[in-house]
C-alpha cells in the first residue's frame, strides 16, 4: 500500500548546479567534462551566441533578455531530463556582476529576475586562471582586476546566502575530480 508521501518521493527535482566566477576562470572548460562524468545535460553560456555581446553593443536590456533566455533553457532542460541534475555555465549571478560593473545596477533588481537564485542548488565559484586567454567577450586581461571581480562574486554569494564551493586553480582533471567529490559529498548523486 502506497501513501501520498511515498508518491511524492518517487518524483525528483533535478539539481541545478551553476558554474560561476569572473571570466577566464575555466567555467566553459569544466562544464563538458563534469557533464560527462555525471551523465547530466548542460547549458552553455548564452552570451557567446548573442550578436550585441559579440560586438560589444550590449545594453542593460540585453542582459535582462539573456537572463530570460537562460531561464527558459533551464526550465526546458529540467522538464525533459531524467538525470539527477543539470549543469549551467553561468547564470543570474554573473549577469548581476557584469551589469553592476558596466551599467551600475543588477539585472536581479527586478524581483521577477532574482527568483532564479533560489532555484540553484549549488554554485561552483571558479578561481580565475592567471594566464590570460583572449576571448572576444572578455574585458579584464589584468589578473589582479579579475581577482578583484571574483571577490564580488563571492560577496554576492555570501550576502544572498547561496550555497557555493570555491573551486581552486588546479590542472583540469584535478579540478573536475575536486568538483565531483564536493558534489557527491553534498548530494545523493
N, C-alpha and C. Protein backbone atom coordinates (compact mmCIF):
# COMPACT_ATOMS: atom_id res chain seq x y z
N UNK A 1 0.85 -1.18 0.00
CA UNK A 1 0.00 0.00 0.00
C UNK A 1 0.90 1.24 0.00
N UNK A 2 0.58 2.15 -0.87
CA UNK A 2 1.39 3.34 -1.03
C UNK A 2 0.71 4.54 -0.40
N UNK A 3 1.46 5.33 0.31
CA UNK A 3 0.91 6.53 0.93
C UNK A 3 1.17 7.74 0.03
N UNK A 4 0.45 8.84 0.25
CA UNK A 4 0.72 10.04 -0.54
C UNK A 4 2.18 10.50 -0.42
N UNK A 5 2.77 10.32 0.78
CA UNK A 5 4.17 10.71 0.96
C UNK A 5 5.08 9.88 0.07
N UNK A 6 4.82 8.58 -0.02
CA UNK A 6 5.61 7.72 -0.89
C UNK A 6 5.51 8.18 -2.33
N UNK A 7 4.32 8.56 -2.75
CA UNK A 7 4.13 9.02 -4.13
C UNK A 7 4.99 10.26 -4.38
N UNK A 8 5.08 11.14 -3.42
CA UNK A 8 5.90 12.34 -3.58
C UNK A 8 7.37 11.99 -3.70
N UNK A 9 7.81 10.97 -3.00
CA UNK A 9 9.22 10.59 -3.02
C UNK A 9 9.65 10.04 -4.37
N UNK A 10 8.71 9.54 -5.17
CA UNK A 10 9.03 8.95 -6.47
C UNK A 10 9.52 10.02 -7.44
N UNK A 11 8.93 11.20 -7.39
CA UNK A 11 9.34 12.28 -8.29
C UNK A 11 10.54 13.00 -7.68
N UNK A 12 11.36 13.51 -8.51
CA UNK A 12 12.51 14.26 -8.01
C UNK A 12 12.71 15.49 -8.88
N UNK A 13 13.21 16.49 -8.26
CA UNK A 13 13.58 17.71 -8.98
C UNK A 13 15.08 17.61 -9.24
N UNK A 14 15.48 17.64 -10.49
CA UNK A 14 16.92 17.57 -10.75
C UNK A 14 17.65 18.75 -10.11
N UNK A 15 18.85 18.49 -9.65
CA UNK A 15 19.69 19.54 -9.10
C UNK A 15 20.09 20.51 -10.20
N UNK A 16 20.25 21.75 -9.82
CA UNK A 16 20.77 22.76 -10.75
C UNK A 16 22.07 23.28 -10.15
N UNK A 17 23.17 22.99 -10.85
CA UNK A 17 24.48 23.41 -10.39
C UNK A 17 25.05 24.39 -11.42
N UNK A 18 25.42 25.57 -10.93
CA UNK A 18 25.86 26.65 -11.81
C UNK A 18 27.33 26.94 -11.60
N UNK A 19 28.09 26.89 -12.69
CA UNK A 19 29.48 27.32 -12.65
C UNK A 19 29.47 28.83 -12.77
N UNK A 20 30.18 29.50 -11.88
CA UNK A 20 30.19 30.95 -11.90
C UNK A 20 31.58 31.45 -11.57
N UNK A 21 31.76 32.74 -11.75
CA UNK A 21 33.05 33.36 -11.49
C UNK A 21 33.41 34.29 -12.62
N UNK A 22 34.46 35.03 -12.40
CA UNK A 22 34.91 36.00 -13.39
C UNK A 22 35.35 35.29 -14.66
N UNK A 23 35.42 36.04 -15.73
CA UNK A 23 35.92 35.49 -17.00
C UNK A 23 37.30 34.89 -16.80
N UNK A 24 37.66 33.94 -17.68
CA UNK A 24 38.98 33.32 -17.65
C UNK A 24 39.18 32.47 -16.40
N UNK A 25 38.07 31.86 -15.92
CA UNK A 25 38.18 31.01 -14.73
C UNK A 25 37.93 29.54 -15.04
N UNK A 26 37.72 29.21 -16.30
CA UNK A 26 37.59 27.82 -16.69
C UNK A 26 36.19 27.24 -16.68
N UNK A 27 35.17 28.08 -16.55
CA UNK A 27 33.79 27.58 -16.49
C UNK A 27 33.44 26.76 -17.74
N UNK A 28 33.70 27.33 -18.90
CA UNK A 28 33.36 26.64 -20.15
C UNK A 28 34.23 25.42 -20.38
N UNK A 29 35.45 25.44 -19.85
CA UNK A 29 36.35 24.30 -19.97
C UNK A 29 35.91 23.15 -19.07
N UNK A 30 35.34 23.48 -17.91
CA UNK A 30 34.97 22.45 -16.94
C UNK A 30 33.60 21.83 -17.18
N UNK A 31 32.69 22.56 -17.81
CA UNK A 31 31.30 22.09 -17.86
C UNK A 31 31.14 20.78 -18.62
N UNK A 32 31.82 20.62 -19.74
CA UNK A 32 31.65 19.39 -20.53
C UNK A 32 32.19 18.15 -19.80
N UNK A 33 33.42 18.20 -19.26
CA UNK A 33 33.88 17.01 -18.52
C UNK A 33 33.03 16.69 -17.30
N UNK A 34 32.50 17.73 -16.64
CA UNK A 34 31.61 17.48 -15.50
C UNK A 34 30.33 16.80 -15.96
N UNK A 35 29.76 17.31 -17.04
CA UNK A 35 28.52 16.72 -17.57
C UNK A 35 28.76 15.26 -17.98
N UNK A 36 29.91 14.99 -18.58
CA UNK A 36 30.24 13.61 -18.97
C UNK A 36 30.41 12.73 -17.74
N UNK A 37 31.08 13.24 -16.73
CA UNK A 37 31.34 12.47 -15.53
C UNK A 37 30.04 12.08 -14.82
N UNK A 38 29.10 13.04 -14.74
CA UNK A 38 27.84 12.78 -14.05
C UNK A 38 26.75 12.24 -14.97
N UNK A 39 26.99 12.34 -16.27
CA UNK A 39 25.98 11.96 -17.28
C UNK A 39 24.74 12.85 -17.14
N UNK A 40 25.00 14.15 -16.99
CA UNK A 40 23.95 15.16 -16.87
C UNK A 40 24.01 16.09 -18.07
N UNK A 41 22.86 16.62 -18.45
CA UNK A 41 22.87 17.63 -19.53
C UNK A 41 23.41 18.96 -19.00
N UNK A 42 23.73 19.85 -19.93
CA UNK A 42 24.28 21.14 -19.52
C UNK A 42 23.83 22.24 -20.49
N UNK A 43 23.95 23.45 -20.01
CA UNK A 43 23.63 24.63 -20.82
C UNK A 43 24.89 25.49 -20.87
N UNK A 44 25.31 25.82 -22.09
CA UNK A 44 26.47 26.69 -22.25
C UNK A 44 26.07 28.15 -22.07
N UNK A 45 27.05 28.99 -21.87
CA UNK A 45 26.85 30.42 -21.68
C UNK A 45 26.22 31.03 -22.94
N UNK A 46 25.02 31.55 -22.81
CA UNK A 46 24.27 32.06 -23.95
C UNK A 46 24.83 33.36 -24.52
N UNK A 47 25.56 34.12 -23.73
CA UNK A 47 26.07 35.40 -24.24
C UNK A 47 27.05 35.19 -25.39
N UNK A 48 27.64 34.00 -25.47
CA UNK A 48 28.58 33.71 -26.56
C UNK A 48 27.89 33.61 -27.91
N UNK A 49 26.56 33.56 -27.90
CA UNK A 49 25.79 33.47 -29.15
C UNK A 49 25.04 34.77 -29.44
N UNK A 50 25.16 35.75 -28.56
CA UNK A 50 24.41 36.99 -28.69
C UNK A 50 25.20 38.01 -29.50
N UNK A 51 24.61 38.47 -30.61
CA UNK A 51 25.30 39.40 -31.50
C UNK A 51 25.67 40.71 -30.82
N UNK A 52 24.78 41.24 -29.98
CA UNK A 52 25.08 42.50 -29.30
C UNK A 52 26.31 42.34 -28.39
N UNK A 53 26.38 41.24 -27.68
CA UNK A 53 27.51 40.98 -26.80
C UNK A 53 28.78 40.79 -27.63
N UNK A 54 28.68 40.00 -28.67
CA UNK A 54 29.85 39.71 -29.50
C UNK A 54 30.43 40.97 -30.14
N UNK A 55 29.59 41.98 -30.38
CA UNK A 55 30.06 43.23 -30.98
C UNK A 55 30.27 44.34 -29.94
N UNK A 56 30.19 44.00 -28.65
CA UNK A 56 30.40 44.99 -27.61
C UNK A 56 29.31 46.05 -27.54
N UNK A 57 28.11 45.69 -27.98
CA UNK A 57 26.99 46.64 -28.04
C UNK A 57 25.87 46.28 -27.08
N UNK A 58 26.17 45.46 -26.07
CA UNK A 58 25.12 45.03 -25.15
C UNK A 58 24.62 46.21 -24.32
N UNK A 59 23.35 46.11 -23.97
CA UNK A 59 22.71 47.09 -23.10
C UNK A 59 22.21 46.36 -21.87
N UNK A 60 21.70 47.12 -20.92
CA UNK A 60 21.10 46.51 -19.74
C UNK A 60 19.96 45.58 -20.17
N UNK A 61 19.17 46.02 -21.13
CA UNK A 61 18.07 45.19 -21.65
C UNK A 61 18.60 43.89 -22.27
N UNK A 62 19.74 43.95 -22.93
CA UNK A 62 20.36 42.73 -23.48
C UNK A 62 20.60 41.71 -22.38
N UNK A 63 21.13 42.18 -21.24
CA UNK A 63 21.42 41.28 -20.14
C UNK A 63 20.13 40.72 -19.54
N UNK A 64 19.09 41.54 -19.46
CA UNK A 64 17.79 41.05 -18.98
C UNK A 64 17.27 39.96 -19.92
N UNK A 65 17.39 40.18 -21.21
CA UNK A 65 16.93 39.18 -22.19
C UNK A 65 17.76 37.90 -22.11
N UNK A 66 19.06 38.04 -21.92
CA UNK A 66 19.91 36.86 -21.76
C UNK A 66 19.47 36.04 -20.55
N UNK A 67 19.13 36.73 -19.47
CA UNK A 67 18.66 36.03 -18.28
C UNK A 67 17.36 35.28 -18.57
N UNK A 68 16.41 35.93 -19.22
CA UNK A 68 15.14 35.27 -19.57
C UNK A 68 15.39 34.06 -20.46
N UNK A 69 16.24 34.23 -21.46
CA UNK A 69 16.54 33.12 -22.37
C UNK A 69 17.19 31.96 -21.62
N UNK A 70 18.13 32.28 -20.72
CA UNK A 70 18.79 31.24 -19.94
C UNK A 70 17.79 30.49 -19.06
N UNK A 71 16.93 31.24 -18.38
CA UNK A 71 15.94 30.60 -17.51
C UNK A 71 14.97 29.73 -18.32
N UNK A 72 14.61 30.17 -19.52
CA UNK A 72 13.75 29.35 -20.38
C UNK A 72 14.45 28.05 -20.76
N UNK A 73 15.75 28.13 -21.05
CA UNK A 73 16.52 26.92 -21.36
C UNK A 73 16.59 25.99 -20.16
N UNK A 74 16.76 26.55 -18.98
CA UNK A 74 16.82 25.75 -17.75
C UNK A 74 15.50 25.03 -17.53
N UNK A 75 14.40 25.76 -17.63
CA UNK A 75 13.07 25.15 -17.43
C UNK A 75 12.85 24.02 -18.42
N UNK A 76 13.20 24.28 -19.67
CA UNK A 76 13.02 23.26 -20.71
C UNK A 76 13.87 22.03 -20.40
N UNK A 77 15.13 22.24 -20.04
CA UNK A 77 16.03 21.12 -19.76
C UNK A 77 15.59 20.35 -18.52
N UNK A 78 15.22 21.07 -17.46
CA UNK A 78 14.78 20.40 -16.23
C UNK A 78 13.52 19.56 -16.46
N UNK A 79 12.65 20.03 -17.33
CA UNK A 79 11.40 19.31 -17.55
C UNK A 79 11.56 18.13 -18.50
N UNK A 80 12.70 18.04 -19.18
CA UNK A 80 12.90 16.96 -20.16
C UNK A 80 14.05 16.03 -19.82
N UNK A 81 14.51 16.06 -18.59
CA UNK A 81 15.62 15.17 -18.24
C UNK A 81 15.22 14.19 -17.15
N UNK A 82 15.80 13.02 -17.22
CA UNK A 82 15.66 12.04 -16.15
C UNK A 82 16.93 12.00 -15.30
N UNK A 83 17.89 12.86 -15.66
CA UNK A 83 19.15 12.92 -14.91
C UNK A 83 18.89 13.49 -13.52
N UNK A 84 19.82 13.25 -12.62
CA UNK A 84 19.68 13.76 -11.26
C UNK A 84 20.03 15.24 -11.16
N UNK A 85 20.55 15.81 -12.25
CA UNK A 85 20.90 17.22 -12.21
C UNK A 85 21.26 17.76 -13.58
N UNK A 86 21.48 19.06 -13.60
CA UNK A 86 21.97 19.74 -14.79
C UNK A 86 23.08 20.70 -14.37
N UNK A 87 23.96 20.99 -15.32
CA UNK A 87 24.99 22.00 -15.11
C UNK A 87 24.68 23.20 -15.99
N UNK A 88 24.93 24.39 -15.46
CA UNK A 88 24.75 25.63 -16.21
C UNK A 88 26.05 26.41 -16.19
N UNK A 89 26.47 26.85 -17.36
CA UNK A 89 27.65 27.70 -17.50
C UNK A 89 27.19 29.14 -17.32
N UNK A 90 27.27 29.62 -16.10
CA UNK A 90 26.86 30.95 -15.64
C UNK A 90 25.35 31.04 -15.42
N UNK A 91 24.92 32.20 -14.95
CA UNK A 91 23.52 32.44 -14.62
C UNK A 91 23.34 33.86 -14.13
N UNK A 92 22.31 34.08 -13.34
CA UNK A 92 21.95 35.43 -12.91
C UNK A 92 23.07 36.10 -12.12
N UNK A 93 23.81 35.36 -11.33
CA UNK A 93 24.88 35.96 -10.53
C UNK A 93 25.91 36.63 -11.43
N UNK A 94 26.33 35.93 -12.48
CA UNK A 94 27.31 36.50 -13.41
C UNK A 94 26.73 37.71 -14.13
N UNK A 95 25.47 37.63 -14.50
CA UNK A 95 24.83 38.77 -15.16
C UNK A 95 24.75 39.96 -14.21
N UNK A 96 24.48 39.70 -12.93
CA UNK A 96 24.43 40.79 -11.95
C UNK A 96 25.78 41.47 -11.79
N UNK A 97 26.84 40.69 -11.69
CA UNK A 97 28.17 41.28 -11.53
C UNK A 97 28.53 42.08 -12.78
N UNK A 98 28.33 41.50 -13.94
CA UNK A 98 28.63 42.16 -15.21
C UNK A 98 27.83 43.46 -15.32
N UNK A 99 26.54 43.36 -15.05
CA UNK A 99 25.65 44.50 -15.16
C UNK A 99 26.02 45.61 -14.18
N UNK A 100 26.36 45.22 -12.97
CA UNK A 100 26.75 46.21 -11.97
C UNK A 100 28.02 46.95 -12.40
N UNK A 101 28.99 46.20 -12.92
CA UNK A 101 30.25 46.82 -13.35
C UNK A 101 30.07 47.74 -14.54
N UNK A 102 29.21 47.34 -15.48
CA UNK A 102 29.06 48.10 -16.72
C UNK A 102 27.95 49.14 -16.65
N UNK A 103 26.82 48.80 -16.01
CA UNK A 103 25.65 49.68 -16.03
C UNK A 103 25.28 50.25 -14.65
N UNK A 104 25.98 49.83 -13.61
CA UNK A 104 25.74 50.38 -12.29
C UNK A 104 24.51 49.85 -11.59
N UNK A 105 23.90 48.78 -12.11
CA UNK A 105 22.75 48.16 -11.46
C UNK A 105 22.70 46.69 -11.84
N UNK A 106 22.00 45.92 -11.01
CA UNK A 106 21.92 44.47 -11.21
C UNK A 106 20.68 44.09 -12.01
N UNK A 107 20.80 43.05 -12.79
CA UNK A 107 19.65 42.50 -13.52
C UNK A 107 18.59 42.03 -12.52
N UNK A 108 19.03 41.47 -11.39
CA UNK A 108 18.08 40.92 -10.42
C UNK A 108 17.39 41.99 -9.57
N UNK A 109 17.68 43.27 -9.82
CA UNK A 109 16.93 44.32 -9.11
C UNK A 109 15.44 44.19 -9.40
N UNK A 110 15.13 43.68 -10.58
CA UNK A 110 13.75 43.35 -10.92
C UNK A 110 13.45 42.04 -10.18
N UNK A 111 12.54 42.07 -9.22
CA UNK A 111 12.29 40.91 -8.35
C UNK A 111 11.92 39.66 -9.14
N UNK A 112 11.29 39.82 -10.28
CA UNK A 112 10.95 38.65 -11.10
C UNK A 112 12.21 37.98 -11.62
N UNK A 113 13.26 38.77 -11.84
CA UNK A 113 14.52 38.22 -12.35
C UNK A 113 15.27 37.44 -11.27
N UNK A 114 15.22 37.91 -10.03
CA UNK A 114 16.05 37.32 -8.99
C UNK A 114 15.52 36.00 -8.44
N UNK A 115 14.30 35.63 -8.79
CA UNK A 115 13.72 34.39 -8.28
C UNK A 115 14.56 33.17 -8.65
N UNK A 116 15.36 33.26 -9.70
CA UNK A 116 16.13 32.11 -10.14
C UNK A 116 17.25 31.74 -9.16
N UNK A 117 17.72 32.68 -8.33
CA UNK A 117 18.74 32.35 -7.34
C UNK A 117 18.32 31.18 -6.48
N UNK A 118 17.06 31.20 -6.05
CA UNK A 118 16.58 30.16 -5.14
C UNK A 118 16.46 28.81 -5.82
N UNK A 119 16.43 28.79 -7.14
CA UNK A 119 16.30 27.54 -7.87
C UNK A 119 17.64 26.85 -8.10
N UNK A 120 18.72 27.50 -7.70
CA UNK A 120 20.06 26.93 -7.86
C UNK A 120 20.42 26.18 -6.59
N UNK A 121 20.81 24.92 -6.74
CA UNK A 121 21.16 24.10 -5.58
C UNK A 121 22.60 24.33 -5.12
N UNK A 122 23.48 24.64 -6.06
CA UNK A 122 24.88 24.85 -5.70
C UNK A 122 25.57 25.66 -6.78
N UNK A 123 26.34 26.65 -6.35
CA UNK A 123 27.21 27.40 -7.25
C UNK A 123 28.62 26.87 -7.10
N UNK A 124 29.34 26.80 -8.20
CA UNK A 124 30.75 26.46 -8.21
C UNK A 124 31.50 27.74 -8.57
N UNK A 125 32.07 28.41 -7.58
CA UNK A 125 32.79 29.66 -7.80
C UNK A 125 34.22 29.32 -8.21
N UNK A 126 34.50 29.50 -9.48
CA UNK A 126 35.79 29.11 -10.04
C UNK A 126 36.81 30.24 -9.93
N UNK A 127 37.97 29.93 -9.39
CA UNK A 127 39.06 30.90 -9.31
C UNK A 127 39.54 31.22 -10.72
N UNK A 128 39.97 32.45 -10.93
CA UNK A 128 40.46 32.84 -12.25
C UNK A 128 41.86 32.27 -12.50
N UNK A 129 42.07 31.88 -13.72
CA UNK A 129 43.35 31.34 -14.14
C UNK A 129 44.29 32.52 -14.40
N UNK A 130 45.51 32.43 -13.94
CA UNK A 130 46.45 33.56 -14.07
C UNK A 130 46.79 33.86 -15.53
N UNK A 131 47.02 32.83 -16.32
CA UNK A 131 47.38 33.02 -17.72
C UNK A 131 46.15 33.51 -18.49
N UNK A 132 46.28 34.63 -19.17
CA UNK A 132 45.18 35.24 -19.92
C UNK A 132 44.94 34.50 -21.22
N UNK A 133 43.68 34.16 -21.47
CA UNK A 133 43.28 33.58 -22.75
C UNK A 133 42.34 34.57 -23.41
N UNK A 134 42.81 35.25 -24.47
CA UNK A 134 41.95 36.25 -25.13
C UNK A 134 40.66 35.62 -25.64
N UNK A 135 39.61 36.39 -25.59
CA UNK A 135 38.29 35.95 -26.00
C UNK A 135 37.51 37.22 -26.37
N UNK A 136 36.69 37.16 -27.43
CA UNK A 136 36.01 38.39 -27.87
C UNK A 136 35.07 39.01 -26.83
N UNK A 137 34.61 38.25 -25.84
CA UNK A 137 33.68 38.83 -24.87
C UNK A 137 34.32 39.12 -23.52
N UNK A 138 35.61 38.93 -23.40
CA UNK A 138 36.29 39.17 -22.13
C UNK A 138 36.77 40.61 -22.03
N UNK A 139 36.71 41.14 -20.80
CA UNK A 139 37.01 42.55 -20.57
C UNK A 139 38.26 42.81 -19.74
N UNK A 140 38.73 41.82 -18.97
CA UNK A 140 39.76 42.07 -17.96
C UNK A 140 41.02 41.23 -18.17
N UNK A 141 41.93 41.68 -19.02
CA UNK A 141 43.18 40.92 -19.18
C UNK A 141 44.08 40.98 -17.94
N UNK A 142 43.89 42.00 -17.08
CA UNK A 142 44.71 42.14 -15.88
C UNK A 142 44.27 41.14 -14.81
N UNK A 143 45.19 40.27 -14.40
CA UNK A 143 44.90 39.23 -13.42
C UNK A 143 44.37 39.81 -12.11
N UNK A 144 44.99 40.86 -11.61
CA UNK A 144 44.56 41.45 -10.34
C UNK A 144 43.13 42.00 -10.42
N UNK A 145 42.76 42.54 -11.56
CA UNK A 145 41.39 43.02 -11.75
C UNK A 145 40.42 41.83 -11.71
N UNK A 146 40.80 40.72 -12.34
CA UNK A 146 39.92 39.54 -12.34
C UNK A 146 39.76 38.99 -10.92
N UNK A 147 40.85 39.00 -10.15
CA UNK A 147 40.77 38.53 -8.77
C UNK A 147 39.81 39.43 -7.99
N UNK A 148 39.89 40.73 -8.21
CA UNK A 148 39.00 41.68 -7.51
C UNK A 148 37.54 41.46 -7.93
N UNK A 149 37.32 41.21 -9.20
CA UNK A 149 35.95 40.96 -9.67
C UNK A 149 35.43 39.64 -9.10
N UNK A 150 36.30 38.64 -9.01
CA UNK A 150 35.86 37.37 -8.43
C UNK A 150 35.47 37.53 -6.96
N UNK A 151 36.11 38.48 -6.28
CA UNK A 151 35.73 38.78 -4.90
C UNK A 151 34.30 39.31 -4.84
N UNK A 152 33.87 40.03 -5.88
CA UNK A 152 32.47 40.49 -5.95
C UNK A 152 31.52 39.30 -6.05
N UNK A 153 31.91 38.29 -6.81
CA UNK A 153 31.09 37.09 -6.91
C UNK A 153 30.91 36.45 -5.54
N UNK A 154 32.02 36.30 -4.83
CA UNK A 154 31.97 35.67 -3.50
C UNK A 154 31.10 36.50 -2.56
N UNK A 155 31.27 37.81 -2.60
CA UNK A 155 30.49 38.71 -1.74
C UNK A 155 28.99 38.56 -2.02
N UNK A 156 28.61 38.51 -3.29
CA UNK A 156 27.20 38.36 -3.64
C UNK A 156 26.67 37.00 -3.19
N UNK A 157 27.44 35.95 -3.39
CA UNK A 157 27.02 34.62 -2.94
C UNK A 157 26.78 34.61 -1.43
N UNK A 158 27.70 35.19 -0.69
CA UNK A 158 27.58 35.19 0.76
C UNK A 158 26.46 36.10 1.24
N UNK A 159 26.34 37.30 0.65
CA UNK A 159 25.27 38.22 1.05
C UNK A 159 23.88 37.67 0.75
N UNK A 160 23.77 36.86 -0.29
CA UNK A 160 22.48 36.27 -0.66
C UNK A 160 22.25 34.94 0.04
N UNK A 161 23.22 34.46 0.78
CA UNK A 161 23.07 33.20 1.50
C UNK A 161 22.97 32.00 0.58
N UNK A 162 23.67 32.05 -0.55
CA UNK A 162 23.59 30.97 -1.54
C UNK A 162 24.67 29.92 -1.29
N UNK A 163 24.31 28.67 -1.52
CA UNK A 163 25.25 27.56 -1.34
C UNK A 163 26.29 27.59 -2.45
N UNK A 164 27.57 27.54 -2.05
CA UNK A 164 28.62 27.50 -3.06
C UNK A 164 29.86 26.82 -2.52
N UNK A 165 30.68 26.37 -3.45
CA UNK A 165 32.01 25.90 -3.11
C UNK A 165 33.00 26.68 -3.97
N UNK A 166 34.14 26.97 -3.40
CA UNK A 166 35.19 27.65 -4.14
C UNK A 166 36.03 26.59 -4.84
N UNK A 167 36.22 26.76 -6.14
CA UNK A 167 36.99 25.81 -6.94
C UNK A 167 38.37 26.43 -7.20
N UNK A 168 39.40 25.91 -6.55
CA UNK A 168 40.74 26.49 -6.71
C UNK A 168 41.34 26.16 -8.07
N UNK A 169 42.43 26.84 -8.36
CA UNK A 169 43.17 26.56 -9.59
C UNK A 169 43.93 25.25 -9.39
N UNK A 170 43.64 24.33 -10.27
CA UNK A 170 44.31 23.03 -10.31
C UNK A 170 44.35 22.63 -11.78
N UNK A 171 45.16 21.64 -12.16
CA UNK A 171 45.05 21.12 -13.52
C UNK A 171 43.61 20.65 -13.77
N UNK A 172 43.17 20.72 -15.01
CA UNK A 172 41.77 20.48 -15.35
C UNK A 172 41.21 19.20 -14.74
N UNK A 173 41.87 18.08 -14.90
CA UNK A 173 41.35 16.81 -14.37
C UNK A 173 41.22 16.85 -12.85
N UNK A 174 42.18 17.48 -12.20
CA UNK A 174 42.12 17.59 -10.73
C UNK A 174 40.98 18.50 -10.31
N UNK A 175 40.71 19.55 -11.10
CA UNK A 175 39.57 20.42 -10.79
C UNK A 175 38.27 19.65 -10.92
N UNK A 176 38.15 18.85 -11.99
CA UNK A 176 36.94 18.04 -12.19
C UNK A 176 36.80 17.04 -11.05
N UNK A 177 37.89 16.39 -10.66
CA UNK A 177 37.86 15.45 -9.53
C UNK A 177 37.40 16.16 -8.25
N UNK A 178 37.98 17.34 -7.99
CA UNK A 178 37.64 18.12 -6.80
C UNK A 178 36.14 18.45 -6.79
N UNK A 179 35.63 18.93 -7.91
CA UNK A 179 34.21 19.30 -8.01
C UNK A 179 33.34 18.06 -7.82
N UNK A 180 33.70 16.96 -8.46
CA UNK A 180 32.92 15.73 -8.31
C UNK A 180 32.85 15.32 -6.85
N UNK A 181 33.97 15.31 -6.15
CA UNK A 181 33.98 14.93 -4.74
C UNK A 181 33.10 15.85 -3.91
N UNK A 182 33.16 17.15 -4.19
CA UNK A 182 32.36 18.13 -3.44
C UNK A 182 30.87 17.91 -3.68
N UNK A 183 30.49 17.69 -4.92
CA UNK A 183 29.07 17.47 -5.24
C UNK A 183 28.59 16.18 -4.59
N UNK A 184 29.35 15.11 -4.75
CA UNK A 184 28.93 13.82 -4.20
C UNK A 184 28.88 13.84 -2.67
N UNK A 185 29.68 14.68 -2.03
CA UNK A 185 29.64 14.76 -0.58
C UNK A 185 28.41 15.52 -0.08
N UNK A 186 27.79 16.29 -0.97
CA UNK A 186 26.63 17.10 -0.57
C UNK A 186 25.30 16.52 -1.02
N UNK A 187 25.31 15.76 -2.10
CA UNK A 187 24.07 15.28 -2.71
C UNK A 187 24.14 13.78 -2.99
N UNK A 188 23.00 13.16 -3.03
CA UNK A 188 22.91 11.73 -3.35
C UNK A 188 22.83 11.57 -4.86
N UNK A 189 23.99 11.64 -5.50
CA UNK A 189 24.04 11.52 -6.97
C UNK A 189 25.07 10.51 -7.39
